[in-house]
């Protein structure tokens, strides 16, 4: 591989890939299928892959998207958020739901999803609690495994996230808010 081919295989965005897909190839792209109905999404994904195979190395483009409580896309199914699924204490049900999401993803041409969120959340001030399976580490792990296994069985890669990053004591870790202000708010009142 040339240096440019190596670098482009590491890249991911929603627009630049079109300039490089037939020459040096490209790594991943996000949300290019969202506005399309299922049939148009599948046809477009196939077209994109035919173009990717024209590059010197013939490496397919990885199309990824979010699939936390359903694949994001026109006409896809929406399920309850993860915190609601966790309230069932039923990993088998989460597996069935994830299977349905994985089937939609695969049919539309999505081969990688940025899901599930497996943060163990113990601070309700974090702005994305509903995306998690809650505060119990054992339950969160069981639900996360059930979700991932469904996708793996359909040939769709997952990215369980965010582990120890993206949440913390005192609410969100965000440069504009910061944990200092959140931690010191009660004393300021």
Protein backbone atom coordinates (compact mmCIF):
# COMPACT_ATOMS: atom_id res chain seq x y z
CA UNK A 1 0.00 0.00 0.00
CA UNK A 2 1.13 3.50 -0.67
CA UNK A 3 1.20 6.00 2.18
CA UNK A 4 -1.89 7.70 0.77
CA UNK A 5 -3.75 4.36 0.57
CA UNK A 6 -2.82 3.56 4.18
CA UNK A 7 -3.94 6.98 5.41
CA UNK A 8 -7.22 6.84 3.50
CA UNK A 9 -8.01 3.40 4.95
CA UNK A 10 -7.80 5.04 8.39
CA UNK A 11 -10.14 7.89 7.47
CA UNK A 12 -13.82 8.22 8.18
CA UNK A 13 -16.25 10.97 7.26
CA UNK A 14 -19.45 11.65 5.41
CA UNK A 15 -18.15 13.37 2.26
CA UNK A 16 -14.42 13.05 1.51
CA UNK A 17 -14.65 9.34 0.67
CA UNK A 18 -16.27 10.12 -2.69
CA UNK A 19 -13.09 11.82 -3.93
CA UNK A 20 -10.91 8.80 -3.14
CA UNK A 21 -13.06 5.69 -3.33
CA UNK A 22 -12.11 4.66 -6.88
CA UNK A 23 -8.43 5.59 -6.67
CA UNK A 24 -6.75 5.12 -3.30
CA UNK A 25 -9.75 3.62 -1.52
CA UNK A 26 -11.22 4.85 1.76
CA UNK A 27 -11.92 3.43 5.21
CA UNK A 28 -15.38 4.29 6.52
CA UNK A 29 -18.27 6.64 6.03
CA UNK A 30 -21.13 7.60 8.33
CA UNK A 31 -24.84 8.16 7.75
CA UNK A 32 -24.87 8.23 3.94
CA UNK A 33 -27.87 5.87 3.91
CA UNK A 34 -30.07 7.60 6.51
CA UNK A 35 -32.33 9.67 4.24
CA UNK A 36 -33.01 6.77 1.86
CA UNK A 37 -35.75 4.18 2.18
CA UNK A 38 -34.60 0.59 2.65
CA UNK A 39 -34.56 -0.37 -1.04
CA UNK A 40 -32.81 2.83 -2.13
CA UNK A 41 -30.32 2.48 0.74
CA UNK A 42 -29.45 -1.09 -0.28
CA UNK A 43 -29.08 -0.10 -3.93
CA UNK A 44 -26.89 2.89 -3.04
CA UNK A 45 -24.72 0.78 -0.73
CA UNK A 46 -24.22 -1.73 -3.54
CA UNK A 47 -23.30 1.08 -5.93
CA UNK A 48 -20.81 2.47 -3.43
CA UNK A 49 -19.21 -0.95 -2.98
CA UNK A 50 -18.94 -1.47 -6.77
CA UNK A 51 -17.09 1.86 -6.93
CA UNK A 52 -14.83 0.90 -4.02
CA UNK A 53 -13.83 -2.34 -5.73
CA UNK A 54 -12.51 -0.29 -8.68
CA UNK A 55 -9.64 1.05 -6.57
CA UNK A 56 -6.23 -0.54 -7.01
CA UNK A 57 -6.61 -2.63 -3.86
CA UNK A 58 -10.35 -3.31 -4.20
CA UNK A 59 -11.07 -2.84 -0.49
CA UNK A 60 -14.78 -2.28 0.26
CA UNK A 61 -15.85 0.87 2.08
CA UNK A 62 -17.23 0.30 5.57
CA UNK A 63 -20.56 2.10 5.95
CA UNK A 64 -21.39 2.66 9.60
CA UNK A 65 -24.17 4.29 11.56
CA UNK A 66 -25.79 4.54 14.98
CA UNK A 67 -28.07 1.71 16.09
CA UNK A 68 -28.66 2.22 19.78
CA UNK A 69 -32.41 1.61 19.84
CA UNK A 70 -32.87 1.00 16.17
CA UNK A 71 -30.84 1.78 13.10
CA UNK A 72 -31.03 5.46 12.24
CA UNK A 73 -32.61 5.67 8.82
CA UNK A 74 -35.71 6.45 6.84
CA UNK A 75 -38.26 3.69 7.46
CA UNK A 76 -36.28 1.76 10.06
CA UNK A 77 -37.76 0.40 13.28
CA UNK A 78 -37.38 2.29 16.56
CA UNK A 79 -37.30 0.33 19.83
CA UNK A 80 -37.30 1.52 23.46
CA UNK A 81 -34.13 3.18 24.67
CA UNK A 82 -31.52 1.04 26.43
CA UNK A 83 -32.49 2.16 29.93
CA UNK A 84 -36.03 0.93 29.24
CA UNK A 85 -34.71 -2.37 27.91
CA UNK A 86 -32.57 -2.74 31.03
CA UNK A 87 -35.69 -2.35 33.18
CA UNK A 88 -36.89 -5.69 31.78
CA UNK A 89 -33.82 -7.55 33.15
CA UNK A 90 -34.17 -9.74 30.05
CA UNK A 91 -30.98 -10.17 27.97
CA UNK A 92 -32.78 -12.63 25.66
CA UNK A 93 -35.26 -9.90 24.71
CA UNK A 94 -32.41 -7.45 24.09
CA UNK A 95 -30.86 -10.09 21.82
CA UNK A 96 -34.12 -10.41 19.85
CA UNK A 97 -34.41 -6.63 19.49
CA UNK A 98 -30.75 -6.36 18.45
CA UNK A 99 -31.30 -9.17 15.94
CA UNK A 100 -34.08 -7.16 14.29
CA UNK A 101 -31.86 -4.05 14.22
CA UNK A 102 -28.92 -6.05 12.81
CA UNK A 103 -31.09 -7.50 10.06
CA UNK A 104 -32.20 -4.01 9.03
CA UNK A 105 -28.62 -2.74 9.15
CA UNK A 106 -27.30 -5.59 7.01
CA UNK A 107 -30.16 -5.29 4.50
CA UNK A 108 -29.50 -1.56 4.06
CA UNK A 109 -25.72 -1.98 3.62
CA UNK A 110 -24.53 -0.91 7.07
CA UNK A 111 -21.66 -3.14 8.23
CA UNK A 112 -20.60 -1.37 11.44
CA UNK A 113 -22.67 0.25 14.19
CA UNK A 114 -21.62 2.62 16.95
CA UNK A 115 -23.55 0.75 19.62
CA UNK A 116 -24.24 -0.33 22.35
CA UNK A 117 -23.48 2.20 25.08
CA UNK A 118 -22.16 0.16 27.98
CA UNK A 119 -21.19 2.93 30.38
CA UNK A 120 -22.10 2.07 33.97
CA UNK A 121 -23.95 5.21 34.99
CA UNK A 122 -24.26 6.26 38.59
CA UNK A 123 -24.82 9.97 38.11
CA UNK A 124 -28.19 10.97 36.66
CA UNK A 125 -26.83 14.39 35.69
CA UNK A 126 -25.03 12.88 32.69
CA UNK A 127 -27.05 13.90 29.67
CA UNK A 128 -27.12 10.48 28.00
CA UNK A 129 -28.29 8.15 30.78
CA UNK A 130 -31.12 6.82 28.59
CA UNK A 131 -28.54 5.37 26.20
CA UNK A 132 -27.12 3.08 28.89
CA UNK A 133 -28.28 -0.07 30.63
CA UNK A 134 -28.07 1.73 33.98
CA UNK A 135 -25.97 1.51 37.08
CA UNK A 136 -25.61 -2.24 37.60
CA UNK A 137 -22.34 -3.53 36.09
CA UNK A 138 -23.53 -7.14 35.83
CA UNK A 139 -26.80 -6.21 34.13
CA UNK A 140 -25.03 -3.78 31.80
CA UNK A 141 -22.53 -6.45 30.79
CA UNK A 142 -25.24 -9.07 30.16
CA UNK A 143 -27.31 -6.65 28.06
CA UNK A 144 -24.24 -5.47 26.14
CA UNK A 145 -23.16 -9.03 25.33
CA UNK A 146 -26.69 -9.94 24.19
CA UNK A 147 -26.73 -6.89 21.89
CA UNK A 148 -23.28 -7.51 20.41
CA UNK A 149 -23.84 -11.23 19.80
CA UNK A 150 -26.91 -10.49 17.69
CA UNK A 151 -24.93 -8.16 15.43
CA UNK A 152 -21.94 -10.48 15.19
CA UNK A 153 -24.20 -13.33 14.10
CA UNK A 154 -25.37 -11.12 11.20
CA UNK A 155 -21.91 -10.03 10.11
CA UNK A 156 -22.23 -6.47 11.40
CA UNK A 157 -19.42 -5.11 13.58
CA UNK A 158 -20.22 -3.21 16.78
CA UNK A 159 -18.40 -0.57 18.77
CA UNK A 160 -19.43 -0.90 22.42
CA UNK A 161 -18.80 2.49 23.95
CA UNK A 162 -17.70 4.60 25.94
CA UNK A 163 -16.10 2.60 28.74
CA UNK A 164 -14.55 5.04 31.21
CA UNK A 165 -14.74 8.12 29.01
CA UNK A 166 -17.61 10.47 28.22
CA UNK A 167 -19.19 10.58 31.69
CA UNK A 168 -18.04 11.22 35.19
CA UNK A 169 -18.78 12.50 38.66
CA UNK A 170 -20.61 15.77 38.54
CA UNK A 171 -22.21 15.33 35.15
CA UNK A 172 -20.85 15.61 31.64
CA UNK A 173 -17.19 16.09 30.91
CA UNK A 174 -17.51 18.93 28.46
CA UNK A 175 -15.11 21.82 28.02
CA UNK A 176 -17.93 24.38 28.18
CA UNK A 177 -19.47 22.95 31.33
CA UNK A 178 -16.67 21.10 33.08
CA UNK A 179 -16.87 18.97 36.16
CA UNK A 180 -15.59 21.80 38.36
CA UNK A 181 -18.75 23.85 37.91
CA UNK A 182 -21.01 20.84 38.38
CA UNK A 183 -19.18 19.73 41.55
CA UNK A 184 -19.23 23.20 43.04
CA UNK A 185 -22.77 24.19 42.11
CA UNK A 186 -24.36 23.20 45.46
CA UNK A 187 -21.85 25.28 47.40
CA UNK A 188 -22.53 28.27 45.16
CA UNK A 189 -26.27 28.17 45.92
